Protein backbone atom coordinates (compact mmCIF):
# COMPACT_ATOMS: atom_id res chain seq x y z
CA MET A 1 -24.50 -0.58 42.29
CA SER A 2 -23.44 1.37 39.18
CA GLU A 3 -19.98 1.99 40.68
CA THR A 4 -19.52 -1.75 41.33
CA LYS A 5 -20.62 -2.52 37.79
CA ASN A 6 -18.13 0.02 36.38
CA ILE A 7 -15.25 -1.49 38.38
CA THR A 8 -16.13 -4.97 37.11
CA GLU A 9 -16.35 -3.79 33.51
CA ASN A 10 -12.92 -2.14 33.70
CA GLN A 11 -11.12 -5.23 35.00
CA LEU A 12 -8.95 -7.49 32.82
CA LYS A 13 -9.57 -11.23 32.70
CA ARG A 14 -7.26 -14.03 33.88
CA THR A 15 -7.46 -16.13 30.71
CA MET A 16 -3.77 -16.83 29.99
CA LYS A 17 -2.30 -20.26 30.65
CA SER A 18 1.27 -21.28 31.48
CA ARG A 19 2.14 -22.00 27.83
CA HIS A 20 0.81 -18.58 26.80
CA LEU A 21 2.90 -16.71 29.38
CA PHE A 22 6.04 -18.66 28.51
CA MET A 23 5.70 -17.99 24.79
CA ILE A 24 4.73 -14.33 25.32
CA SER A 25 7.88 -13.76 27.37
CA LEU A 26 9.90 -15.39 24.58
CA GLY A 27 7.91 -13.53 21.95
CA GLY A 28 8.75 -10.18 23.49
CA VAL A 29 12.46 -10.97 23.43
CA ILE A 30 13.21 -12.96 20.27
CA GLY A 31 12.61 -10.30 17.64
CA THR A 32 14.76 -7.75 15.86
CA GLY A 33 17.15 -7.70 18.83
CA LEU A 34 18.35 -11.17 17.82
CA PHE A 35 17.43 -11.44 14.16
CA LEU A 36 18.61 -8.00 13.02
CA SER A 37 20.44 -5.84 15.59
CA SER A 38 22.77 -8.76 16.49
CA GLY A 39 24.39 -7.99 13.13
CA TYR A 40 25.03 -4.41 14.30
CA THR A 41 26.57 -5.69 17.55
CA ILE A 42 28.88 -8.14 15.73
CA ASN A 43 29.96 -5.38 13.35
CA GLN A 44 30.73 -3.01 16.24
CA ALA A 45 32.33 -5.36 18.78
CA GLY A 46 33.57 -8.36 16.75
CA PRO A 47 32.66 -12.02 17.44
CA VAL A 48 34.25 -12.47 20.88
CA GLY A 49 33.21 -8.99 22.00
CA THR A 50 29.60 -9.69 20.97
CA LEU A 51 29.46 -12.99 22.87
CA LEU A 52 30.90 -11.25 25.94
CA ALA A 53 28.40 -8.38 25.61
CA TYR A 54 25.45 -10.79 25.39
CA LEU A 55 26.79 -12.82 28.31
CA ILE A 56 26.99 -9.67 30.47
CA GLY A 57 23.53 -8.68 29.24
CA SER A 58 22.07 -12.06 30.21
CA VAL A 59 23.51 -11.71 33.72
CA ILE A 60 21.96 -8.24 34.10
CA VAL A 61 18.58 -9.51 32.89
CA TYR A 62 18.66 -12.51 35.20
CA LEU A 63 19.41 -10.32 38.23
CA VAL A 64 16.52 -8.01 37.31
CA MET A 65 14.17 -10.97 36.78
CA LEU A 66 15.07 -12.37 40.21
CA CYS A 67 14.05 -9.03 41.70
CA LEU A 68 10.87 -8.94 39.63
CA GLY A 69 9.96 -12.51 40.56
CA GLU A 70 9.69 -11.72 44.27
CA LEU A 71 7.47 -8.71 43.62
CA VAL A 72 5.21 -10.33 41.04
CA VAL A 73 4.56 -13.54 42.98
CA LYS A 74 3.75 -11.52 46.10
CA MET A 75 1.61 -8.96 44.22
CA PRO A 76 0.49 -10.21 40.77
CA VAL A 77 -1.08 -7.17 39.14
CA THR A 78 -1.16 -5.92 35.53
CA GLY A 79 1.32 -3.07 35.05
CA SER A 80 3.33 -4.39 37.98
CA PHE A 81 6.43 -2.19 37.61
CA HIS A 82 4.88 1.18 38.18
CA THR A 83 2.54 -0.18 40.89
CA TYR A 84 5.52 -1.43 42.91
CA ALA A 85 7.54 1.75 42.31
CA THR A 86 4.56 3.88 43.36
CA LYS A 87 4.17 1.95 46.60
CA PHE A 88 7.80 1.44 47.61
CA ILE A 89 9.73 4.33 45.99
CA GLY A 90 7.23 7.13 45.32
CA PRO A 91 4.22 7.93 43.11
CA GLY A 92 6.24 10.27 40.88
CA THR A 93 8.71 7.47 40.13
CA GLY A 94 5.88 5.00 39.54
CA PHE A 95 4.20 7.39 37.11
CA THR A 96 7.50 7.96 35.25
CA MET A 97 8.33 4.23 35.08
CA ALA A 98 4.95 3.45 33.54
CA TRP A 99 5.37 6.07 30.85
CA LEU A 100 8.98 4.99 30.24
CA TYR A 101 7.88 1.41 29.74
CA TRP A 102 5.13 2.60 27.43
CA LEU A 103 7.79 4.57 25.53
CA THR A 104 10.04 1.47 25.45
CA TRP A 105 7.48 -0.60 23.62
CA THR A 106 5.90 2.17 21.58
CA VAL A 107 9.31 3.11 20.19
CA ALA A 108 10.17 -0.58 19.83
CA LEU A 109 7.04 -0.93 17.71
CA GLY A 110 8.55 1.65 15.40
CA SER A 111 11.78 -0.35 15.11
CA GLU A 112 9.90 -3.64 14.57
CA PHE A 113 7.68 -2.19 11.85
CA THR A 114 10.70 -0.56 10.20
CA ALA A 115 12.53 -3.91 10.22
CA ALA A 116 9.46 -5.67 8.79
CA GLY A 117 9.28 -3.03 6.07
CA LEU A 118 12.97 -3.59 5.21
CA ILE A 119 12.34 -7.31 4.70
CA MET A 120 9.21 -6.76 2.60
CA GLU A 121 10.99 -4.14 0.47
CA GLY A 122 13.55 -6.83 -0.40
CA TRP A 123 10.73 -8.96 -1.84
CA PHE A 124 8.67 -6.11 -3.29
CA PRO A 125 11.10 -3.26 -4.13
CA SER A 126 8.38 -1.21 -5.81
CA ILE A 127 6.60 -0.73 -2.44
CA SER A 128 8.40 1.49 0.10
CA VAL A 129 9.31 0.60 3.69
CA TRP A 130 6.86 3.07 5.24
CA GLU A 131 3.92 1.62 3.27
CA TRP A 132 4.67 -1.88 4.57
CA SER A 133 5.09 -0.45 8.07
CA ALA A 134 1.62 1.12 7.90
CA PHE A 135 0.13 -2.21 6.78
CA PHE A 136 1.65 -4.07 9.73
CA VAL A 137 0.45 -1.44 12.21
CA VAL A 138 -3.14 -2.12 11.07
CA LEU A 139 -2.64 -5.92 11.08
CA LEU A 140 -1.32 -6.16 14.64
CA PHE A 141 -3.91 -3.72 15.91
CA ALA A 142 -6.56 -6.12 14.63
CA LEU A 143 -4.88 -9.12 16.31
CA ASN A 144 -4.83 -7.33 19.68
CA ALA A 145 -8.37 -6.00 19.33
CA PHE A 146 -10.16 -9.37 19.15
CA SER A 147 -9.62 -10.65 22.70
CA VAL A 148 -6.88 -11.42 25.23
CA ARG A 149 -7.20 -15.16 24.56
CA PHE A 150 -6.96 -14.60 20.78
CA PHE A 151 -3.84 -12.46 21.26
CA ALA A 152 -2.28 -15.14 23.51
CA GLU A 153 -3.00 -17.92 21.01
CA THR A 154 -1.60 -16.02 18.01
CA GLU A 155 1.49 -15.09 20.02
CA PHE A 156 1.95 -18.73 21.07
CA TRP A 157 2.10 -19.86 17.44
CA PHE A 158 4.17 -16.88 16.29
CA SER A 159 6.74 -17.68 18.97
CA SER A 160 6.67 -21.42 18.25
CA ILE A 161 7.66 -20.81 14.61
CA LYS A 162 10.70 -18.72 15.50
CA VAL A 163 11.84 -21.01 18.33
CA ILE A 164 11.81 -24.00 15.94
CA ALA A 165 13.60 -21.91 13.31
CA ILE A 166 16.36 -20.86 15.72
CA ILE A 167 16.93 -24.46 16.82
CA LEU A 168 17.22 -25.55 13.15
CA PHE A 169 19.49 -22.58 12.43
CA ILE A 170 21.86 -23.53 15.24
CA LEU A 171 21.90 -27.20 14.14
CA ILE A 172 22.40 -26.52 10.39
CA GLY A 173 24.82 -23.66 11.04
CA GLY A 174 26.77 -25.83 13.48
CA LEU A 175 27.15 -28.52 10.81
CA ALA A 176 28.44 -25.86 8.39
CA VAL A 177 30.94 -24.57 10.97
CA PHE A 178 32.54 -28.02 11.18
CA GLY A 179 32.41 -28.63 7.44
CA ILE A 180 29.76 -31.36 7.51
CA ILE A 181 27.62 -29.11 5.30
CA PRO A 182 29.87 -27.29 2.77
CA MET A 183 29.87 -23.49 2.54
CA SER A 184 29.56 -22.07 -0.97
CA GLY A 185 32.91 -20.87 -2.32
CA THR A 186 35.01 -22.68 0.31
CA SER A 187 36.57 -26.13 0.45
CA GLU A 188 37.57 -26.19 4.13
CA ALA A 189 35.54 -26.07 7.32
CA PRO A 190 35.48 -22.47 8.60
CA LEU A 191 35.58 -23.61 12.24
CA PHE A 192 36.18 -20.56 14.46
CA THR A 193 38.82 -18.70 12.47
CA ASN A 194 36.62 -15.58 12.29
CA PHE A 195 36.92 -15.28 16.08
CA VAL A 196 40.70 -14.84 16.06
CA LYS A 197 41.94 -13.81 12.61
CA ASP A 198 41.59 -10.07 13.34
CA GLY A 199 42.37 -10.39 17.05
CA LEU A 200 39.98 -11.14 19.91
CA PHE A 201 38.72 -7.55 20.03
CA PRO A 202 39.26 -6.06 16.52
CA THR A 203 37.52 -2.78 17.39
CA GLY A 204 38.92 -2.58 20.92
CA PHE A 205 37.74 -3.98 24.25
CA GLY A 206 35.71 -0.85 24.94
CA ALA A 207 33.34 -1.75 22.08
CA VAL A 208 31.94 -4.54 24.27
CA PHE A 209 30.48 -1.95 26.61
CA LEU A 210 29.48 0.52 23.90
CA THR A 211 27.17 -2.12 22.41
CA MET A 212 25.49 -2.92 25.73
CA LEU A 213 22.49 -0.75 24.93
CA ALA A 214 21.76 -2.73 21.76
CA VAL A 215 22.21 -5.91 23.82
CA ASN A 216 19.82 -4.67 26.48
CA PHE A 217 17.32 -3.88 23.74
CA ALA A 218 17.70 -7.45 22.51
CA PHE A 219 16.86 -8.80 25.98
CA SER A 220 14.03 -6.37 26.66
CA GLY A 221 10.76 -8.23 26.84
CA THR A 222 11.68 -10.73 29.55
CA GLU A 223 9.91 -8.41 32.00
CA LEU A 224 6.65 -8.99 30.10
CA ILE A 225 5.85 -11.72 32.62
CA GLY A 226 5.27 -8.94 35.13
CA VAL A 227 2.90 -7.06 32.84
CA ALA A 228 0.95 -10.25 32.01
CA SER A 229 0.75 -11.48 35.62
CA GLY A 230 -2.60 -9.74 36.13
CA GLU A 231 -4.12 -11.80 33.31
CA THR A 232 -2.46 -15.13 34.19
CA ALA A 233 -4.11 -18.03 35.98
CA ASN A 234 -2.16 -19.40 39.01
CA PRO A 235 0.63 -16.76 38.91
CA GLU A 236 2.29 -18.19 42.05
CA LYS A 237 3.12 -21.43 40.21
CA VAL A 238 3.51 -20.18 36.65
CA ILE A 239 5.73 -17.10 37.10
CA PRO A 240 8.74 -18.60 38.97
CA LYS A 241 8.91 -21.47 36.47
CA THR A 242 8.64 -19.04 33.54
CA ILE A 243 11.43 -16.81 34.88
CA HIS A 244 13.94 -19.65 35.14
CA THR A 245 13.06 -21.57 31.96
CA THR A 246 12.76 -18.49 29.75
CA LEU A 247 16.19 -17.14 30.70
CA ILE A 248 17.91 -20.51 30.28
CA ARG A 249 16.44 -20.87 26.80
CA LEU A 250 17.26 -17.27 25.88
CA ILE A 251 20.92 -17.75 26.76
CA ILE A 252 21.00 -20.90 24.62
CA PHE A 253 19.22 -19.22 21.70
CA PHE A 254 21.22 -15.98 21.77
CA MET A 255 24.67 -17.39 22.52
CA GLY A 256 24.20 -20.35 20.17
CA SER A 257 22.93 -18.22 17.29
CA ILE A 258 25.64 -15.57 17.63
CA THR A 259 28.37 -18.22 17.81
CA VAL A 260 27.16 -19.72 14.52
CA ILE A 261 26.74 -16.32 12.84
CA SER A 262 30.19 -15.11 13.93
CA ALA A 263 31.84 -18.33 12.79
CA LEU A 264 30.29 -18.24 9.31
CA ILE A 265 30.19 -14.50 8.52
CA PRO A 266 33.21 -12.14 8.71
CA TRP A 267 32.38 -9.55 11.37
CA LYS A 268 32.93 -6.65 8.95
CA GLU A 269 30.11 -7.93 6.71
CA ALA A 270 27.49 -7.96 9.47
CA GLY A 271 25.09 -5.04 9.92
CA VAL A 272 21.38 -4.16 9.90
CA ASP A 273 20.93 -3.91 6.11
CA GLN A 274 20.10 -7.62 6.08
CA SER A 275 19.50 -10.20 8.78
CA PRO A 276 22.71 -12.12 9.63
CA PHE A 277 20.55 -15.26 9.76
CA VAL A 278 19.67 -14.80 6.08
CA LEU A 279 23.32 -14.12 5.21
CA VAL A 280 24.32 -17.41 6.84
CA PHE A 281 21.77 -19.50 4.97
CA ASN A 282 22.63 -17.80 1.68
CA SER A 283 26.34 -18.52 2.25
CA ILE A 284 25.59 -22.19 2.99
CA GLY A 285 23.87 -22.38 -0.39
CA ILE A 286 20.68 -24.20 0.65
CA PRO A 287 18.06 -23.52 -2.08
CA TYR A 288 15.49 -20.90 -1.02
CA ALA A 289 16.83 -21.06 2.55
CA GLY A 290 17.43 -17.30 2.60
CA THR A 291 13.84 -16.63 1.53
CA ILE A 292 12.48 -19.08 4.10
CA MET A 293 14.64 -17.52 6.81
CA ASN A 294 13.43 -14.06 5.81
CA PHE A 295 9.88 -15.28 6.35
CA VAL A 296 10.85 -16.61 9.79
CA VAL A 297 12.53 -13.30 10.64
CA LEU A 298 9.38 -11.47 9.54
CA THR A 299 7.28 -13.77 11.76
CA ALA A 300 9.62 -13.09 14.69
CA ILE A 301 9.41 -9.35 14.16
CA LEU A 302 5.61 -9.42 14.06
CA SER A 303 5.57 -11.62 17.16
CA CYS A 304 7.76 -9.18 19.08
CA ALA A 305 5.64 -6.23 17.92
CA ASN A 306 2.50 -8.15 18.89
CA SER A 307 3.84 -8.61 22.44
CA GLY A 308 5.00 -5.01 22.58
CA LEU A 309 1.61 -3.65 21.58
CA TYR A 310 0.03 -5.79 24.29
CA ALA A 311 2.53 -4.67 26.97
CA ALA A 312 2.30 -0.94 26.24
CA THR A 313 -1.50 -1.10 26.12
CA ARG A 314 -1.67 -2.79 29.54
CA MET A 315 0.67 -0.21 31.01
CA LEU A 316 -1.66 2.60 29.92
CA TRP A 317 -4.63 0.67 31.31
CA SER A 318 -2.80 0.25 34.61
CA LEU A 319 -2.00 3.98 34.83
CA SER A 320 -5.67 4.73 34.30
CA ASN A 321 -6.74 2.05 36.77
CA GLU A 322 -4.49 3.67 39.39
CA LYS A 323 -6.13 7.04 38.57
CA MET A 324 -2.84 8.55 37.37
CA ILE A 325 -4.19 9.42 33.92
CA SER A 326 -7.64 9.85 32.37
CA GLY A 327 -10.17 7.16 33.18
CA VAL A 328 -10.85 6.80 29.45
CA PHE A 329 -7.78 4.59 29.04
CA GLY A 330 -9.01 2.24 31.77
CA LYS A 331 -12.16 1.29 29.88
CA VAL A 332 -12.34 -2.35 28.78
CA ASN A 333 -14.73 -3.77 26.18
CA LYS A 334 -16.80 -6.95 26.54
CA LYS A 335 -13.88 -9.06 25.30
CA GLY A 336 -11.56 -7.74 28.02
CA VAL A 337 -9.53 -5.50 25.69
CA PRO A 338 -8.73 -1.89 26.78
CA MET A 339 -9.49 -0.36 23.39
CA PRO A 340 -8.71 3.35 24.07
CA ALA A 341 -5.27 2.38 25.43
CA LEU A 342 -4.72 0.05 22.45
CA ILE A 343 -5.58 2.80 19.95
CA LEU A 344 -3.18 5.33 21.51
CA THR A 345 -0.36 2.77 21.64
CA ALA A 346 -0.91 1.68 18.04
CA LEU A 347 -0.54 5.32 17.00
CA GLY A 348 2.98 5.13 18.44
CA GLY A 349 3.79 2.62 15.73
CA VAL A 350 3.63 5.43 13.18
CA LEU A 351 7.16 6.30 14.35
CA SER A 352 8.22 3.71 11.80
CA LEU A 353 6.67 5.82 9.04
CA ILE A 354 9.45 8.40 9.34
CA SER A 355 11.52 5.90 7.33
CA SER A 356 9.89 7.61 4.35
CA VAL A 357 11.99 10.70 5.18
CA ILE A 358 15.11 9.32 6.90
CA PRO A 359 16.96 6.17 5.69
CA ALA A 360 15.35 3.11 7.32
CA GLN A 361 18.65 1.71 8.68
CA GLN A 362 19.37 5.01 10.44
CA VAL A 363 15.81 5.15 11.83
CA TYR A 364 16.17 1.60 13.14
CA ILE A 365 19.39 2.24 15.12
CA ILE A 366 17.98 5.45 16.67
CA LEU A 367 14.75 3.70 17.73
CA VAL A 368 16.68 0.74 19.17
CA SER A 369 18.83 3.12 21.22
CA ILE A 370 15.86 5.01 22.68
CA SER A 371 13.99 1.81 23.46
CA GLY A 372 17.07 0.16 24.97
CA LEU A 373 17.81 3.13 27.24
CA ALA A 374 14.19 3.39 28.41
CA VAL A 375 13.94 -0.29 29.32
CA VAL A 376 17.22 -0.18 31.26
CA ILE A 377 15.87 2.69 33.36
CA VAL A 378 12.75 0.59 34.00
CA TRP A 379 14.97 -2.32 35.08
CA MET A 380 16.70 0.03 37.53
CA GLY A 381 13.25 0.85 38.93
CA ILE A 382 12.42 -2.85 39.32
CA ALA A 383 15.66 -3.50 41.25
CA ALA A 384 15.10 -0.45 43.47
CA SER A 385 11.46 -1.46 44.10
CA GLN A 386 12.48 -4.94 45.26
CA PHE A 387 15.17 -3.48 47.53
CA MET A 388 12.67 -1.11 49.16
CA PHE A 389 9.93 -3.76 49.31
CA ARG A 390 12.10 -6.26 51.20
CA ARG A 391 13.14 -3.55 53.66
CA ALA A 392 9.53 -2.55 54.30
CA TYR A 393 8.47 -6.22 54.47
CA LEU A 394 11.03 -7.05 57.17
CA LYS A 395 10.40 -3.80 59.05
CA ALA A 396 6.72 -4.76 59.30
CA GLY A 397 7.76 -7.91 61.21
CA ASN A 398 7.31 -10.41 58.36
CA ALA A 399 9.58 -13.42 57.80
CA VAL A 400 11.51 -13.92 54.54
CA ASN A 401 10.59 -17.62 54.55
CA ASP A 402 6.93 -16.65 54.11
CA LEU A 403 7.69 -15.31 50.62
CA LYS A 404 6.81 -17.90 47.97
CA PHE A 405 9.55 -16.58 45.66
CA LYS A 406 12.62 -15.02 47.25
CA THR A 407 15.27 -12.91 45.52
CA PRO A 408 18.51 -14.67 46.56
CA LEU A 409 21.50 -12.98 48.19
CA TYR A 410 19.56 -9.87 49.24
CA PRO A 411 20.68 -7.04 49.15
CA ILE A 412 23.53 -7.95 46.78
CA VAL A 413 21.30 -8.94 43.82
CA PRO A 414 19.13 -5.78 43.66
CA ILE A 415 22.14 -3.49 44.24
CA ALA A 416 24.20 -5.28 41.54
CA ALA A 417 21.25 -5.17 39.11
CA PHE A 418 20.76 -1.45 39.71
CA LEU A 419 24.45 -0.55 39.31
CA LEU A 420 24.97 -2.66 36.17
CA CYS A 421 21.90 -1.09 34.56
CA PHE A 422 23.10 2.39 35.53
CA LEU A 423 26.50 1.65 33.99
CA SER A 424 24.79 0.66 30.73
CA CYS A 425 23.05 4.05 30.67
CA VAL A 426 26.29 5.94 31.27
CA LEU A 427 28.23 4.09 28.56
CA ILE A 428 25.90 5.31 25.82
CA VAL A 429 27.63 8.71 26.07
CA PHE A 430 30.70 7.21 24.37
CA ASP A 431 28.85 5.82 21.32
CA PRO A 432 28.09 8.55 18.74
CA ALA A 433 25.60 6.30 16.90
CA GLN A 434 23.45 5.81 20.01
CA ARG A 435 24.14 9.01 21.97
CA ALA A 436 21.06 10.68 20.49
CA ALA A 437 18.90 8.43 22.70
CA LEU A 438 19.98 10.50 25.73
CA PHE A 439 18.68 13.70 24.12
CA TYR A 440 15.24 12.14 23.78
CA THR A 441 14.96 9.98 26.90
CA ILE A 442 16.31 12.31 29.61
CA PRO A 443 13.93 15.19 28.73
CA PHE A 444 11.10 12.63 28.56
CA VAL A 445 11.88 11.44 32.12
CA ALA A 446 12.04 15.02 33.37
CA LEU A 447 8.74 15.85 31.63
CA CYS A 448 7.04 12.84 33.29
CA TYR A 449 8.07 13.99 36.78
CA ILE A 450 7.03 17.58 36.04
CA CYS A 451 3.64 16.49 34.66
CA TYR A 452 2.96 14.29 37.67
CA TYR A 453 3.78 16.92 40.30
CA VAL A 454 2.01 19.72 38.41
CA LYS A 455 -1.07 17.51 38.21
CA GLN A 456 -0.81 16.74 41.93
CA SER A 457 -0.50 20.43 42.74
CA ILE A 458 -3.60 21.26 40.68
CA GLN A 459 -5.58 18.46 42.35
CA LYS A 460 -4.59 19.71 45.83
CA LYS A 461 -5.72 23.23 44.96
CA LYS A 462 -9.05 21.89 43.65
CA THR A 463 -9.49 19.82 46.81
CA GLY A 464 -8.70 22.84 48.96
CA ILE A 465 -11.22 25.02 47.09
CA GLN A 466 -13.89 22.31 47.39
CA GLU A 467 -13.30 22.03 51.15
CA GLU A 468 -13.50 25.82 51.55
CA VAL A 469 -16.81 25.92 49.65
CA LYS A 470 -18.10 23.07 51.81
CA ASP A 471 -17.10 24.92 55.01
CA VAL A 472 -18.84 28.13 53.81
CA LYS A 473 -22.03 26.19 53.05
CA GLU A 474 -21.96 24.56 56.49
CA VAL A 475 -21.50 27.96 58.20
CA ARG A 476 -24.49 29.40 56.28
CA VAL A 477 -26.67 26.48 57.29
């Protein structure tokens, strides 16, 4: 009786609706990756190179989501990635994927809070970035601690604000591109001269691929639908629709925004010191538009961090639920919130506080690189899991037509997704600004595998000793 009660208490609740899941998947993606690090990508690859990089990135993400869709609809569980990898690749890989995804979002929290601190420092220069970062860590912890439904509602409205803002940005910026709204200091419509005046690839064609990690970071978060599937009502209907509609809208938002930014701002002036969205509105000369846009960017950053805190917390809960880590992190309070897992994840946000020692812009790029690399490795795991699942599914005598969501063109899609993700990981070697991510992420992956197999070895020895003691007792009796 007590065991049954414990299992019930440690289960999450299916309280999210379709609109919540859709906005959470958008919320996890439309954050600093678009509003801030897009400036870094434009500066590194030029306008055409950036559009090409984001186009390639969107293809990679869509292939991965097609793989994820089949798995999630068939087996909708919280912490889906590592559960699938454990079952179809191996428990060591599943354990590592879970911790990598936790690292992805925990490190991303650091980048989001650093970005939020940069914006607030612009308004209140007497207060440092790390102090603002600490404030936002506490704020978002409180939002996640109330209840799952409260988190979903706040995320819905956070995401709604930034989606509306992006649509207005594309419309107003588009009018400025064609001269309908005049740019300050110019008498002619800028059109698309910035795309060609320094050549199609001013920093070389190779820069397109060197920026792929930042692009992948920008798209990370689409896989949140898999994490949230265990708390979503009617996942069979909601998830396929969310996969298709979210990606279509993301391509429109990202490609549209970057086209406007690149047309209105010379690529050499873009960076991460200030949001390119704010630079555009300031150059158009709309009164207070830059301040308003800064507020929208801040909202978007907090929204993305809100989703990230949720995702990383659920991944820890899932690890505990699968008995891969301490049962403490699987405990859920009366409101359905896994508080111990939430507390540990929120502590990861203190990574942003190192901006008090290292320049915030430098901290931001390093954190983006680590997070981007980790999520790409997770995507590789998703593609490999779907490939192995379909093989096992067919080998067991099942029919593909019985699947309610099918990854098309199997095995081409999972293989292509895996190889493109792997290529993104390899290319980071050639970018000095992001290469440091390898020195952090590779040892982390190795440590995860070592920890898992050492733990397994210890458990086997304990089991063996217990069995020997049991046999001795039986012989004495």
